[in-house]
Amino acid sequence: MTMISLEIQEYFGWGGNVIFSLAQLAQVYHTYKVKGASELSYILLALMTTGDAMYMVFGILDNSMSMFVGNLLTLIISIFQILQKRYYYRNPLMIGYHTI
């Protein structure tokens, strides 16, 4: 079995960071556009935030800059998503008789 160098592994890490960050930012944008986050569960957000924090610590322990930076960024985005959910729950957009 051929071992992949740490440098190549970091490139994969940075690529994954870009993909996961864009996915979360797309959700943040969608939530902003529809002015609601009822489709996001607090359990999902709590688990994502916890996982991001744990992987961020793992990045420090493993001396992996891509792991640390990527999960720090997604941790910040996850916290922002929780704040969005709370904000739109307290300030629903009203159209006619229905809350969107």
PDB file of N, CA and C in Angstrom:
ATOM      1  N   MET A   1       0.841  -1.172   0.000  1.00  0.00           N
ATOM      2  CA  MET A   1       0.000   0.000   0.000  1.00  0.00           C
ATOM      3  C   MET A   1       0.893   1.245   0.000  1.00  0.00           C
ATOM      4  N   THR A   2       0.583   2.196  -0.852  1.00  0.00           N
ATOM      5  CA  THR A   2       1.363   3.417  -0.964  1.00  0.00           C
ATOM      6  C   THR A   2       0.848   4.451   0.035  1.00  0.00           C
ATOM      7  N   MET A   3       1.750   5.056   0.775  1.00  0.00           N
ATOM      8  CA  MET A   3       1.383   6.093   1.733  1.00  0.00           C
ATOM      9  C   MET A   3       1.300   7.431   1.017  1.00  0.00           C
ATOM     10  N   ILE A   4       0.314   8.228   1.358  1.00  0.00           N
ATOM     11  CA  ILE A   4       0.152   9.571   0.786  1.00  0.00           C
ATOM     12  C   ILE A   4       0.858  10.548   1.716  1.00  0.00           C
ATOM     13  N   SER A   5       1.630  11.451   1.150  1.00  0.00           N
ATOM     14  CA  SER A   5       2.380  12.399   1.965  1.00  0.00           C
ATOM     15  C   SER A   5       1.435  13.321   2.734  1.00  0.00           C
ATOM     16  N   LEU A   6       1.924  13.858   3.843  1.00  0.00           N
ATOM     17  CA  LEU A   6       1.121  14.776   4.655  1.00  0.00           C
ATOM     18  C   LEU A   6       0.734  16.014   3.861  1.00  0.00           C
ATOM     19  N   GLU A   7       1.596  16.451   2.956  1.00  0.00           N
ATOM     20  CA  GLU A   7       1.287  17.622   2.138  1.00  0.00           C
ATOM     21  C   GLU A   7       0.073  17.349   1.245  1.00  0.00           C
ATOM     22  N   ILE A   8       0.031  16.192   0.632  1.00  0.00           N
ATOM     23  CA  ILE A   8      -1.109  15.818  -0.216  1.00  0.00           C
ATOM     24  C   ILE A   8      -2.369  15.681   0.642  1.00  0.00           C
ATOM     25  N   GLN A   9      -2.229  15.104   1.821  1.00  0.00           N
ATOM     26  CA  GLN A   9      -3.376  14.977   2.722  1.00  0.00           C
ATOM     27  C   GLN A   9      -3.950  16.346   3.067  1.00  0.00           C
ATOM     28  N   GLU A  10      -3.080  17.326   3.298  1.00  0.00           N
ATOM     29  CA  GLU A  10      -3.540  18.685   3.620  1.00  0.00           C
ATOM     30  C   GLU A  10      -4.310  19.289   2.450  1.00  0.00           C
ATOM     31  N   TYR A  11      -3.876  18.993   1.202  1.00  0.00           N
ATOM     32  CA  TYR A  11      -4.620  19.499   0.040  1.00  0.00           C
ATOM     33  C   TYR A  11      -6.041  18.955   0.026  1.00  0.00           C
ATOM     34  N   PHE A  12      -6.188  17.675   0.332  1.00  0.00           N
ATOM     35  CA  PHE A  12      -7.528  17.095   0.427  1.00  0.00           C
ATOM     36  C   PHE A  12      -8.315  17.762   1.560  1.00  0.00           C
ATOM     37  N   GLY A  13      -7.638  18.045   2.660  1.00  0.00           N
ATOM     38  CA  GLY A  13      -8.294  18.728   3.783  1.00  0.00           C
ATOM     39  C   GLY A  13      -8.809  20.100   3.395  1.00  0.00           C
ATOM     40  N   TRP A  14      -7.967  20.869   2.703  1.00  0.00           N
ATOM     41  CA  TRP A  14      -8.402  22.206   2.273  1.00  0.00           C
ATOM     42  C   TRP A  14      -9.555  22.124   1.280  1.00  0.00           C
ATOM     43  N   GLY A  15      -9.499  21.143   0.370  1.00  0.00           N
ATOM     44  CA  GLY A  15     -10.602  20.957  -0.581  1.00  0.00           C
ATOM     45  C   GLY A  15     -11.908  20.629   0.120  1.00  0.00           C
ATOM     46  N   GLY A  16     -11.828  19.729   1.093  1.00  0.00           N
ATOM     47  CA  GLY A  16     -13.021  19.398   1.874  1.00  0.00           C
ATOM     48  C   GLY A  16     -13.544  20.585   2.651  1.00  0.00           C
ATOM     49  N   ASN A  17     -12.641  21.405   3.176  1.00  0.00           N
ATOM     50  CA  ASN A  17     -13.055  22.606   3.908  1.00  0.00           C
ATOM     51  C   ASN A  17     -13.862  23.535   3.021  1.00  0.00           C
ATOM     52  N   VAL A  18     -13.386  23.731   1.803  1.00  0.00           N
ATOM     53  CA  VAL A  18     -14.097  24.615   0.871  1.00  0.00           C
ATOM     54  C   VAL A  18     -15.494  24.070   0.601  1.00  0.00           C
ATOM     55  N   ILE A  19     -15.599  22.771   0.354  1.00  0.00           N
ATOM     56  CA  ILE A  19     -16.895  22.170   0.048  1.00  0.00           C
ATOM     57  C   ILE A  19     -17.855  22.286   1.241  1.00  0.00           C
ATOM     58  N   PHE A  20     -17.407  21.913   2.439  1.00  0.00           N
ATOM     59  CA  PHE A  20     -18.282  21.979   3.615  1.00  0.00           C
ATOM     60  C   PHE A  20     -18.660  23.426   3.961  1.00  0.00           C
ATOM     61  N   SER A  21     -17.714  24.336   3.830  1.00  0.00           N
ATOM     62  CA  SER A  21     -18.012  25.736   4.129  1.00  0.00           C
ATOM     63  C   SER A  21     -19.022  26.303   3.148  1.00  0.00           C
ATOM     64  N   LEU A  22     -18.857  26.003   1.853  1.00  0.00           N
ATOM     65  CA  LEU A  22     -19.820  26.477   0.855  1.00  0.00           C
ATOM     66  C   LEU A  22     -21.202  25.888   1.093  1.00  0.00           C
ATOM     67  N   ALA A  23     -21.256  24.622   1.501  1.00  0.00           N
ATOM     68  CA  ALA A  23     -22.549  23.992   1.788  1.00  0.00           C
ATOM     69  C   ALA A  23     -23.253  24.715   2.935  1.00  0.00           C
ATOM     70  N   GLN A  24     -22.514  25.014   3.989  1.00  0.00           N
ATOM     71  CA  GLN A  24     -23.125  25.704   5.123  1.00  0.00           C
ATOM     72  C   GLN A  24     -23.494  27.137   4.766  1.00  0.00           C
ATOM     73  N   LEU A  25     -22.646  27.813   4.010  1.00  0.00           N
ATOM     74  CA  LEU A  25     -22.955  29.185   3.601  1.00  0.00           C
ATOM     75  C   LEU A  25     -24.185  29.223   2.689  1.00  0.00           C
ATOM     76  N   ALA A  26     -24.371  28.198   1.867  1.00  0.00           N
ATOM     77  CA  ALA A  26     -25.575  28.115   1.042  1.00  0.00           C
ATOM     78  C   ALA A  26     -26.820  28.025   1.927  1.00  0.00           C
ATOM     79  N   GLN A  27     -26.728  27.276   3.022  1.00  0.00           N
ATOM     80  CA  GLN A  27     -27.858  27.175   3.945  1.00  0.00           C
ATOM     81  C   GLN A  27     -28.106  28.501   4.662  1.00  0.00           C
ATOM     82  N   VAL A  28     -27.042  29.177   5.053  1.00  0.00           N
ATOM     83  CA  VAL A  28     -27.186  30.495   5.687  1.00  0.00           C
ATOM     84  C   VAL A  28     -27.890  31.452   4.733  1.00  0.00           C
ATOM     85  N   TYR A  29     -27.476  31.452   3.464  1.00  0.00           N
ATOM     86  CA  TYR A  29     -28.091  32.323   2.463  1.00  0.00           C
ATOM     87  C   TYR A  29     -29.555  31.957   2.255  1.00  0.00           C
ATOM     88  N   HIS A  30     -29.856  30.660   2.155  1.00  0.00           N
ATOM     89  CA  HIS A  30     -31.241  30.204   1.982  1.00  0.00           C
ATOM     90  C   HIS A  30     -32.100  30.654   3.172  1.00  0.00           C
ATOM     91  N   THR A  31     -31.580  30.483   4.363  1.00  0.00           N
ATOM     92  CA  THR A  31     -32.318  30.884   5.558  1.00  0.00           C
ATOM     93  C   THR A  31     -32.606  32.381   5.538  1.00  0.00           C
ATOM     94  N   TYR A  32     -31.629  33.164   5.118  1.00  0.00           N
ATOM     95  CA  TYR A  32     -31.810  34.609   5.011  1.00  0.00           C
ATOM     96  C   TYR A  32     -32.876  34.947   3.968  1.00  0.00           C
ATOM     97  N   LYS A  33     -32.836  34.278   2.815  1.00  0.00           N
ATOM     98  CA  LYS A  33     -33.786  34.567   1.741  1.00  0.00           C
ATOM     99  C   LYS A  33     -35.215  34.236   2.132  1.00  0.00           C
ATOM    100  N   VAL A  34     -35.425  33.090   2.791  1.00  0.00           N
ATOM    101  CA  VAL A  34     -36.789  32.688   3.149  1.00  0.00           C
ATOM    102  C   VAL A  34     -37.215  33.243   4.498  1.00  0.00           C
ATOM    103  N   LYS A  35     -36.292  33.869   5.203  1.00  0.00           N
ATOM    104  CA  LYS A  35     -36.565  34.479   6.517  1.00  0.00           C
ATOM    105  C   LYS A  35     -37.145  33.477   7.503  1.00  0.00           C
ATOM    106  N   GLY A  36     -36.615  32.256   7.475  1.00  0.00           N
ATOM    107  CA  GLY A  36     -37.058  31.234   8.400  1.00  0.00           C
ATOM    108  C   GLY A  36     -36.086  30.074   8.419  1.00  0.00           C
ATOM    109  N   ALA A  37     -36.059  29.384   9.558  1.00  0.00           N
ATOM    110  CA  ALA A  37     -35.148  28.248   9.697  1.00  0.00           C
ATOM    111  C   ALA A  37     -35.830  27.077  10.382  1.00  0.00           C
ATOM    112  N   SER A  38     -37.134  26.954  10.185  1.00  0.00           N
ATOM    113  CA  SER A  38     -37.860  25.880  10.864  1.00  0.00           C
ATOM    114  C   SER A  38     -37.404  24.502  10.390  1.00  0.00           C
ATOM    115  N   GLU A  39     -36.834  24.422   9.168  1.00  0.00           N
ATOM    116  CA  GLU A  39     -36.389  23.124   8.663  1.00  0.00           C
ATOM    117  C   GLU A  39     -35.099  22.647   9.314  1.00  0.00           C
ATOM    118  N   LEU A  40     -34.419  23.523  10.023  1.00  0.00           N
ATOM    119  CA  LEU A  40     -33.195  23.141  10.729  1.00  0.00           C
ATOM    120  C   LEU A  40     -33.532  22.785  12.172  1.00  0.00           C
ATOM    121  N   SER A  41     -33.198  21.585  12.585  1.00  0.00           N
ATOM    122  CA  SER A  41     -33.491  21.196  13.962  1.00  0.00           C
ATOM    123  C   SER A  41     -32.356  21.635  14.882  1.00  0.00           C
ATOM    124  N   TYR A  42     -32.712  21.930  16.116  1.00  0.00           N
ATOM    125  CA  TYR A  42     -31.695  22.291  17.098  1.00  0.00           C
ATOM    126  C   TYR A  42     -30.753  21.119  17.366  1.00  0.00           C
ATOM    127  N   ILE A  43     -31.273  19.893  17.263  1.00  0.00           N
ATOM    128  CA  ILE A  43     -30.413  18.719  17.476  1.00  0.00           C
ATOM    129  C   ILE A  43     -29.328  18.671  16.401  1.00  0.00           C
ATOM    130  N   LEU A  44     -29.716  18.863  15.134  1.00  0.00           N
ATOM    131  CA  LEU A  44     -28.739  18.883  14.049  1.00  0.00           C
ATOM    132  C   LEU A  44     -27.692  19.970  14.293  1.00  0.00           C
ATOM    133  N   LEU A  45     -28.147  21.166  14.613  1.00  0.00           N
ATOM    134  CA  LEU A  45     -27.219  22.282  14.810  1.00  0.00           C
ATOM    135  C   LEU A  45     -26.299  22.046  16.009  1.00  0.00           C
ATOM    136  N   ALA A  46     -26.841  21.487  17.082  1.00  0.00           N
ATOM    137  CA  ALA A  46     -26.019  21.212  18.267  1.00  0.00           C
ATOM    138  C   ALA A  46     -24.962  20.147  17.973  1.00  0.00           C
ATOM    139  N   LEU A  47     -25.357  19.100  17.250  1.00  0.00           N
ATOM    140  CA  LEU A  47     -24.398  18.047  16.914  1.00  0.00           C
ATOM    141  C   LEU A  47     -23.330  18.553  15.943  1.00  0.00           C
ATOM    142  N   MET A  48     -23.729  19.361  14.970  1.00  0.00           N
ATOM    143  CA  MET A  48     -22.745  19.928  14.037  1.00  0.00           C
ATOM    144  C   MET A  48     -21.760  20.838  14.766  1.00  0.00           C
ATOM    145  N   THR A  49     -22.272  21.655  15.669  1.00  0.00           N
ATOM    146  CA  THR A  49     -21.414  22.570  16.421  1.00  0.00           C
ATOM    147  C   THR A  49     -20.446  21.791  17.307  1.00  0.00           C
ATOM    148  N   THR A  50     -20.953  20.779  17.989  1.00  0.00           N
ATOM    149  CA  THR A  50     -20.098  19.951  18.840  1.00  0.00           C
ATOM    150  C   THR A  50     -19.043  19.221  18.015  1.00  0.00           C
ATOM    151  N   GLY A  51     -19.450  18.641  16.891  1.00  0.00           N
ATOM    152  CA  GLY A  51     -18.515  17.942  16.023  1.00  0.00           C
ATOM    153  C   GLY A  51     -17.442  18.875  15.470  1.00  0.00           C
ATOM    154  N   ASP A  52     -17.853  20.079  15.054  1.00  0.00           N
ATOM    155  CA  ASP A  52     -16.877  21.053  14.564  1.00  0.00           C
ATOM    156  C   ASP A  52     -15.861  21.408  15.643  1.00  0.00           C
ATOM    157  N   ALA A  53     -16.343  21.616  16.863  1.00  0.00           N
ATOM    158  CA  ALA A  53     -15.435  21.969  17.960  1.00  0.00           C
ATOM    159  C   ALA A  53     -14.462  20.829  18.246  1.00  0.00           C
ATOM    160  N   MET A  54     -14.970  19.600  18.224  1.00  0.00           N
ATOM    161  CA  MET A  54     -14.099  18.460  18.508  1.00  0.00           C
ATOM    162  C   MET A  54     -13.071  18.252  17.395  1.00  0.00           C
ATOM    163  N   TYR A  55     -13.500  18.387  16.144  1.00  0.00           N
ATOM    164  CA  TYR A  55     -12.549  18.255  15.034  1.00  0.00           C
ATOM    165  C   TYR A  55     -11.540  19.403  15.026  1.00  0.00           C
ATOM    166  N   MET A  56     -11.954  20.580  15.480  1.00  0.00           N
ATOM    167  CA  MET A  56     -11.027  21.699  15.576  1.00  0.00           C
ATOM    168  C   MET A  56      -9.919  21.376  16.588  1.00  0.00           C
ATOM    169  N   VAL A  57     -10.300  20.838  17.738  1.00  0.00           N
ATOM    170  CA  VAL A  57      -9.309  20.432  18.744  1.00  0.00           C
ATOM    171  C   VAL A  57      -8.426  19.324  18.180  1.00  0.00           C
ATOM    172  N   PHE A  58      -9.028  18.379  17.457  1.00  0.00           N
ATOM    173  CA  PHE A  58      -8.248  17.314  16.835  1.00  0.00           C
ATOM    174  C   PHE A  58      -7.219  17.894  15.868  1.00  0.00           C
ATOM    175  N   GLY A  59      -7.596  18.927  15.127  1.00  0.00           N
ATOM    176  CA  GLY A  59      -6.658  19.577  14.217  1.00  0.00           C
ATOM    177  C   GLY A  59      -5.463  20.156  14.948  1.00  0.00           C
ATOM    178  N   ILE A  60      -5.703  20.708  16.130  1.00  0.00           N
ATOM    179  CA  ILE A  60      -4.598  21.229  16.946  1.00  0.00           C
ATOM    180  C   ILE A  60      -3.718  20.075  17.416  1.00  0.00           C
ATOM    181  N   LEU A  61      -4.336  19.027  17.954  1.00  0.00           N
ATOM    182  CA  LEU A  61      -3.581  17.895  18.484  1.00  0.00           C
ATOM    183  C   LEU A  61      -2.809  17.151  17.395  1.00  0.00           C
ATOM    184  N   ASP A  62      -3.382  17.092  16.192  1.00  0.00           N
ATOM    185  CA  ASP A  62      -2.758  16.377  15.085  1.00  0.00           C
ATOM    186  C   ASP A  62      -1.830  17.284  14.272  1.00  0.00           C
ATOM    187  N   ASN A  63      -1.762  18.545  14.672  1.00  0.00           N
ATOM    188  CA  ASN A  63      -0.908  19.520  13.986  1.00  0.00           C
ATOM    189  C   ASN A  63      -1.317  19.672  12.518  1.00  0.00           C
ATOM    190  N   SER A  64      -2.638  19.671  12.285  1.00  0.00           N
ATOM    191  CA  SER A  64      -3.180  19.798  10.927  1.00  0.00           C
ATOM    192  C   SER A  64      -3.855  21.156  10.795  1.00  0.00           C
ATOM    193  N   MET A  65      -3.191  22.041  10.059  1.00  0.00           N
ATOM    194  CA  MET A  65      -3.733  23.382   9.885  1.00  0.00           C
ATOM    195  C   MET A  65      -5.065  23.354   9.131  1.00  0.00           C
ATOM    196  N   SER A  66      -5.183  22.486   8.124  1.00  0.00           N
ATOM    197  CA  SER A  66      -6.438  22.434   7.371  1.00  0.00           C
ATOM    198  C   SER A  66      -7.586  21.959   8.256  1.00  0.00           C
ATOM    199  N   MET A  67      -7.329  20.992   9.104  1.00  0.00           N
ATOM    200  CA  MET A  67      -8.362  20.480  10.005  1.00  0.00           C
ATOM    201  C   MET A  67      -8.788  21.562  10.996  1.00  0.00           C
ATOM    202  N   PHE A  68      -7.812  22.272  11.554  1.00  0.00           N
ATOM    203  CA  PHE A  68      -8.107  23.311  12.534  1.00  0.00           C
ATOM    204  C   PHE A  68      -8.868  24.473  11.899  1.00  0.00           C
ATOM    205  N   VAL A  69      -8.323  25.046  10.837  1.00  0.00           N
ATOM    206  CA  VAL A  69      -8.925  26.238  10.228  1.00  0.00           C
ATOM    207  C   VAL A  69     -10.295  25.921   9.645  1.00  0.00           C
ATOM    208  N   GLY A  70     -10.398  24.798   8.946  1.00  0.00           N
ATOM    209  CA  GLY A  70     -11.677  24.439   8.339  1.00  0.00           C
ATOM    210  C   GLY A  70     -12.776  24.261   9.359  1.00  0.00           C
ATOM    211  N   ASN A  71     -12.463  23.593  10.449  1.00  0.00           N
ATOM    212  CA  ASN A  71     -13.493  23.363  11.460  1.00  0.00           C
ATOM    213  C   ASN A  71     -13.755  24.595  12.305  1.00  0.00           C
ATOM    214  N   LEU A  72     -12.775  25.467  12.453  1.00  0.00           N
ATOM    215  CA  LEU A  72     -13.033  26.752  13.111  1.00  0.00           C
ATOM    216  C   LEU A  72     -14.027  27.552  12.282  1.00  0.00           C
ATOM    217  N   LEU A  73     -13.825  27.582  10.961  1.00  0.00           N
ATOM    218  CA  LEU A  73     -14.736  28.312  10.079  1.00  0.00           C
ATOM    219  C   LEU A  73     -16.140  27.721  10.129  1.00  0.00           C
ATOM    220  N   THR A  74     -16.257  26.396  10.017  1.00  0.00           N
ATOM    221  CA  THR A  74     -17.589  25.797  10.053  1.00  0.00           C
ATOM    222  C   THR A  74     -18.216  25.888  11.439  1.00  0.00           C
ATOM    223  N   LEU A  75     -17.404  25.947  12.497  1.00  0.00           N
ATOM    224  CA  LEU A  75     -17.941  26.172  13.844  1.00  0.00           C
ATOM    225  C   LEU A  75     -18.584  27.557  13.929  1.00  0.00           C
ATOM    226  N   ILE A  76     -17.906  28.551  13.395  1.00  0.00           N
ATOM    227  CA  ILE A  76     -18.450  29.916  13.386  1.00  0.00           C
ATOM    228  C   ILE A  76     -19.749  29.967  12.583  1.00  0.00           C
ATOM    229  N   ILE A  77     -19.762  29.313  11.424  1.00  0.00           N
ATOM    230  CA  ILE A  77     -20.974  29.289  10.603  1.00  0.00           C
ATOM    231  C   ILE A  77     -22.098  28.553  11.330  1.00  0.00           C
ATOM    232  N   SER A  78     -21.796  27.461  12.014  1.00  0.00           N
ATOM    233  CA  SER A  78     -22.814  26.714  12.768  1.00  0.00           C
ATOM    234  C   SER A  78     -23.421  27.570  13.870  1.00  0.00           C
ATOM    235  N   ILE A  79     -22.586  28.321  14.562  1.00  0.00           N
ATOM    236  CA  ILE A  79     -23.090  29.215  15.612  1.00  0.00           C
ATOM    237  C   ILE A  79     -23.980  30.283  14.993  1.00  0.00           C
ATOM    238  N   PHE A  80     -23.570  30.804  13.830  1.00  0.00           N
ATOM    239  CA  PHE A  80     -24.389  31.792  13.132  1.00  0.00           C
ATOM    240  C   PHE A  80     -25.740  31.198  12.733  1.00  0.00           C
ATOM    241  N   GLN A  81     -25.749  29.930  12.304  1.00  0.00           N
ATOM    242  CA  GLN A  81     -27.007  29.277  11.941  1.00  0.00           C
ATOM    243  C   GLN A  81     -27.929  29.138  13.154  1.00  0.00           C
ATOM    244  N   ILE A  82     -27.375  28.842  14.307  1.00  0.00           N
ATOM    245  CA  ILE A  82     -28.188  28.775  15.533  1.00  0.00           C
ATOM    246  C   ILE A  82     -28.790  30.140  15.824  1.00  0.00           C
ATOM    247  N   LEU A  83     -27.994  31.183  15.679  1.00  0.00           N
ATOM    248  CA  LEU A  83     -28.499  32.538  15.901  1.00  0.00           C
ATOM    249  C   LEU A  83     -29.583  32.900  14.887  1.00  0.00           C
ATOM    250  N   GLN A  84     -29.407  32.488  13.640  1.00  0.00           N
ATOM    251  CA  GLN A  84     -30.445  32.714  12.630  1.00  0.00           C
ATOM    252  C   GLN A  84     -31.745  32.016  13.020  1.00  0.00           C
ATOM    253  N   LYS A  85     -31.629  30.764  13.434  1.00  0.00           N
ATOM    254  CA  LYS A  85     -32.830  30.008  13.802  1.00  0.00           C
ATOM    255  C   LYS A  85     -33.570  30.691  14.948  1.00  0.00           C
ATOM    256  N   ARG A  86     -32.828  31.118  15.953  1.00  0.00           N
ATOM    257  CA  ARG A  86     -33.453  31.809  17.086  1.00  0.00           C
ATOM    258  C   ARG A  86     -34.081  33.122  16.647  1.00  0.00           C
ATOM    259  N   TYR A  87     -33.377  33.876  15.805  1.00  0.00           N
ATOM    260  CA  TYR A  87     -33.890  35.174  15.358  1.00  0.00           C
ATOM    261  C   TYR A  87     -35.188  35.012  14.574  1.00  0.00           C
ATOM    262  N   TYR A  88     -35.194  34.109  13.594  1.00  0.00           N
ATOM    263  CA  TYR A  88     -36.387  33.956  12.756  1.00  0.00           C
ATOM    264  C   TYR A  88     -37.525  33.276  13.499  1.00  0.00           C
ATOM    265  N   TYR A  89     -37.224  32.513  14.535  1.00  0.00           N
ATOM    266  CA  TYR A  89     -38.293  31.943  15.364  1.00  0.00           C
ATOM    267  C   TYR A  89     -38.999  33.051  16.141  1.00  0.00           C
ATOM    268  N   ARG A  90     -38.218  34.008  16.622  1.00  0.00           N
ATOM    269  CA  ARG A  90     -38.784  35.107  17.410  1.00  0.00           C
ATOM    270  C   ARG A  90     -39.375  36.207  16.540  1.00  0.00           C
ATOM    271  N   ASN A  91     -38.963  36.304  15.293  1.00  0.00           N
ATOM    272  CA  ASN A  91     -39.410  37.357  14.392  1.00  0.00           C
ATOM    273  C   ASN A  91     -39.894  36.762  13.073  1.00  0.00           C
ATOM    274  N   PRO A  92     -41.014  36.022  13.113  1.00  0.00           N
ATOM    275  CA  PRO A  92     -41.460  35.362  11.884  1.00  0.00           C
ATOM    276  C   PRO A  92     -41.965  36.376  10.854  1.00  0.00           C
ATOM    277  N   LEU A  93     -41.794  36.054   9.583  1.00  0.00           N
ATOM    278  CA  LEU A  93     -42.292  36.869   8.497  1.00  0.00           C
ATOM    279  C   LEU A  93     -43.760  36.539   8.311  1.00  0.00           C
ATOM    280  N   MET A  94     -44.624  37.520   8.407  1.00  0.00           N
ATOM    281  CA  MET A  94     -46.062  37.295   8.291  1.00  0.00           C
ATOM    282  C   MET A  94     -46.538  37.727   6.910  1.00  0.00           C
ATOM    283  N   ILE A  95     -47.246  36.823   6.224  1.00  0.00           N
ATOM    284  CA  ILE A  95     -47.886  37.145   4.955  1.00  0.00           C
ATOM    285  C   ILE A  95     -49.320  36.662   5.071  1.00  0.00           C
ATOM    286  N   GLY A  96     -50.263  37.614   5.006  1.00  0.00           N
ATOM    287  CA  GLY A  96     -51.658  37.255   5.185  1.00  0.00           C
ATOM    288  C   GLY A  96     -51.879  36.694   6.575  1.00  0.00           C
ATOM    289  N   TYR A  97     -52.465  35.499   6.659  1.00  0.00           N
ATOM    290  CA  TYR A  97     -52.713  34.850   7.931  1.00  0.00           C
ATOM    291  C   TYR A  97     -51.678  33.788   8.277  1.00  0.00           C
ATOM    292  N   HIS A  98     -50.718  33.590   7.393  1.00  0.00           N
ATOM    293  CA  HIS A  98     -49.764  32.506   7.564  1.00  0.00           C
ATOM    294  C   HIS A  98     -48.369  33.034   7.890  1.00  0.00           C
ATOM    295  N   THR A  99     -47.711  32.317   8.756  1.00  0.00           N
ATOM    296  CA  THR A  99     -46.323  32.638   9.055  1.00  0.00           C
ATOM    297  C   THR A  99     -45.443  31.819   8.132  1.00  0.00           C
ATOM    298  N   ILE A 100     -44.510  32.483   7.503  1.00  0.00           N
ATOM    299  CA  ILE A 100     -43.574  31.753   6.619  1.00  0.00           C
ATOM    300  C   ILE A 100     -42.358  31.382   7.401  1.00  0.00           C
TER     301      ILE A 100
END
